[in-house]
Amino acid sequence: MKAKTRTFLVWAGVGAAVAILVAAIMIGRVFDKFSYVDETVEIQLVAPAE
């Protein structure tokens, strides 16, 4: 029983890590398509520092 639970937790962790990785890649691709949004964000972040 404990072994099955441990295996389930391991696979759940692996699945979560893969899901996060896929989500990050998809978000990255969206930002690549709308690169002008990223540039605007960079300008807003850099301007106060200057």
Protein backbone atom coordinates (compact mmCIF):
# COMPACT_ATOMS: atom_id res chain seq x y z
CA MET A 1 0.00 0.00 0.00
CA LYS A 2 2.76 2.43 0.94
CA ALA A 3 4.78 1.52 -2.15
CA LYS A 4 1.82 2.24 -4.43
CA THR A 5 1.20 5.57 -2.71
CA ARG A 6 4.87 6.53 -3.07
CA THR A 7 4.85 5.59 -6.76
CA PHE A 8 1.66 7.61 -7.29
CA LEU A 9 3.21 10.67 -5.62
CA VAL A 10 6.35 10.35 -7.76
CA TRP A 11 4.34 10.15 -10.99
CA ALA A 12 2.10 13.00 -9.84
CA GLY A 13 5.22 15.12 -9.24
CA VAL A 14 6.63 14.21 -12.65
CA GLY A 15 3.31 15.02 -14.30
CA ALA A 16 3.12 18.38 -12.55
CA ALA A 17 6.69 19.24 -13.59
CA VAL A 18 5.94 18.35 -17.22
CA ALA A 19 2.71 20.38 -17.15
CA ILE A 20 4.58 23.42 -15.77
CA LEU A 21 7.29 23.02 -18.42
CA VAL A 22 4.71 22.80 -21.23
CA ALA A 23 2.85 25.83 -19.87
CA ALA A 24 6.10 27.82 -19.71
CA ILE A 25 6.92 26.92 -23.32
CA MET A 26 3.42 27.89 -24.49
CA ILE A 27 3.59 31.21 -22.60
CA GLY A 28 7.03 31.82 -24.12
CA ARG A 29 5.66 31.24 -27.62
CA VAL A 30 2.78 33.65 -26.96
CA PHE A 31 5.28 36.32 -25.86
CA ASP A 32 7.34 35.65 -28.99
CA LYS A 33 4.25 36.27 -31.14
CA PHE A 34 3.46 39.47 -29.24
CA SER A 35 7.04 40.65 -28.77
CA TYR A 36 5.95 44.30 -28.80
CA VAL A 37 4.14 43.68 -25.51
CA ASP A 38 7.38 42.35 -24.01
CA GLU A 39 9.28 45.42 -25.24
CA THR A 40 6.67 47.73 -23.68
CA VAL A 41 7.01 45.88 -20.36
CA GLU A 42 10.81 46.20 -20.51
CA ILE A 43 10.55 49.94 -21.15
CA GLN A 44 8.19 50.35 -18.18
CA LEU A 45 10.53 48.35 -15.94
CA VAL A 46 13.72 50.15 -17.05
CA ALA A 47 12.38 53.72 -17.12
CA PRO A 48 11.88 54.10 -13.31
CA ALA A 49 15.41 52.78 -12.72
CA GLU A 50 16.80 55.55 -14.94
